[in-house]
């Protein structure tokens, strides 16, 4: 699905706000790269819709603060899964 860049920026921003989504999960949903998502919401969106940009920035900042926690949880789940495989 082709988007006008402005429309894509707004659609991505609305998705992130509604779902409190990460850049990575948003990229998967829209079928574009993480770099494109990040550029759309951190640079381009500011020109098109500043109030939406501010809302998205809050969520992205929150995600950035929590990323070390998510990483630790993912590592824990990975090793628990490995232990389960060894037991069976």
Protein backbone atom coordinates (compact mmCIF):
# COMPACT_ATOMS: atom_id res chain seq x y z
CA UNK A 1 0.00 0.00 0.00
CA UNK A 2 1.52 3.31 -1.09
CA UNK A 3 1.26 6.33 1.14
CA UNK A 4 1.86 9.98 0.59
CA UNK A 5 4.71 10.75 3.04
CA UNK A 6 2.58 13.13 5.10
CA UNK A 7 -0.26 10.61 5.33
CA UNK A 8 2.18 7.84 6.26
CA UNK A 9 3.71 9.97 9.03
CA UNK A 10 0.30 10.71 10.50
CA UNK A 11 -0.86 7.08 10.20
CA UNK A 12 2.30 5.83 11.91
CA UNK A 13 1.97 8.41 14.67
CA UNK A 14 -1.66 7.52 15.32
CA UNK A 15 -0.78 3.82 15.46
CA UNK A 16 2.03 4.43 17.95
CA UNK A 17 -0.22 6.59 20.14
CA UNK A 18 -3.20 4.22 20.07
CA UNK A 19 -1.15 1.09 20.76
CA UNK A 20 1.77 2.59 22.69
CA UNK A 21 3.81 0.68 20.13
CA UNK A 22 7.55 0.51 19.71
CA UNK A 23 9.34 1.58 16.54
CA UNK A 24 10.17 -2.05 15.79
CA UNK A 25 6.58 -3.32 16.11
CA UNK A 26 5.28 -0.37 14.09
CA UNK A 27 7.78 -1.08 11.32
CA UNK A 28 6.54 -4.68 11.10
CA UNK A 29 2.89 -3.59 10.90
CA UNK A 30 3.51 -1.00 8.17
CA UNK A 31 6.03 -3.12 6.27
CA UNK A 32 8.77 -0.49 6.35
CA UNK A 33 12.15 -0.24 8.05
CA UNK A 34 12.72 0.90 11.64
CA UNK A 35 14.81 3.75 10.24
CA UNK A 36 11.91 4.99 8.14
CA UNK A 37 9.50 4.83 11.08
CA UNK A 38 11.94 6.69 13.28
CA UNK A 39 12.62 9.38 10.66
CA UNK A 40 8.90 9.79 9.95
CA UNK A 41 7.94 10.35 13.59
CA UNK A 42 11.02 12.20 14.81
CA UNK A 43 11.75 14.52 11.88
CA UNK A 44 9.05 14.63 9.22
CA UNK A 45 6.03 14.59 11.53
CA UNK A 46 7.26 17.74 13.28
CA UNK A 47 6.75 19.66 10.02
CA UNK A 48 3.29 18.23 9.31
CA UNK A 49 1.61 18.00 12.72
CA UNK A 50 3.48 19.34 15.74
CA UNK A 51 0.87 18.37 18.37
CA UNK A 52 0.89 14.76 17.15
CA UNK A 53 4.70 14.87 17.18
CA UNK A 54 4.68 15.87 20.86
CA UNK A 55 2.35 12.99 21.77
CA UNK A 56 4.46 10.44 19.87
CA UNK A 57 7.66 11.79 21.39
CA UNK A 58 6.30 11.11 24.90
CA UNK A 59 5.63 7.47 24.02
CA UNK A 60 9.01 7.02 22.30
CA UNK A 61 10.78 8.54 25.31
CA UNK A 62 8.90 6.17 27.61
CA UNK A 63 9.85 3.20 25.40
CA UNK A 64 13.47 4.30 25.45
CA UNK A 65 13.48 4.42 29.25
CA UNK A 66 11.97 0.92 29.45
CA UNK A 67 14.07 -0.81 26.80
CA UNK A 68 16.65 -2.20 29.21
CA UNK A 69 13.84 -3.83 31.19
CA UNK A 70 12.31 -5.36 28.04
CA UNK A 71 15.72 -6.66 27.00
CA UNK A 72 16.24 -8.31 30.37
CA UNK A 73 12.83 -9.93 30.25
CA UNK A 74 13.49 -11.25 26.72
CA UNK A 75 16.81 -12.73 27.82
CA UNK A 76 15.19 -14.37 30.84
CA UNK A 77 12.48 -15.93 28.66
CA UNK A 78 15.11 -17.16 26.21
CA UNK A 79 17.07 -18.99 28.89
CA UNK A 80 13.95 -20.39 30.55
CA UNK A 81 12.97 -21.81 27.17
CA UNK A 82 16.43 -23.35 26.74
CA UNK A 83 16.20 -24.94 30.20
CA UNK A 84 12.80 -26.42 29.34
CA UNK A 85 14.23 -27.93 26.15
CA UNK A 86 17.13 -29.49 28.07
CA UNK A 87 14.78 -31.04 30.63
CA UNK A 88 12.63 -32.72 28.02
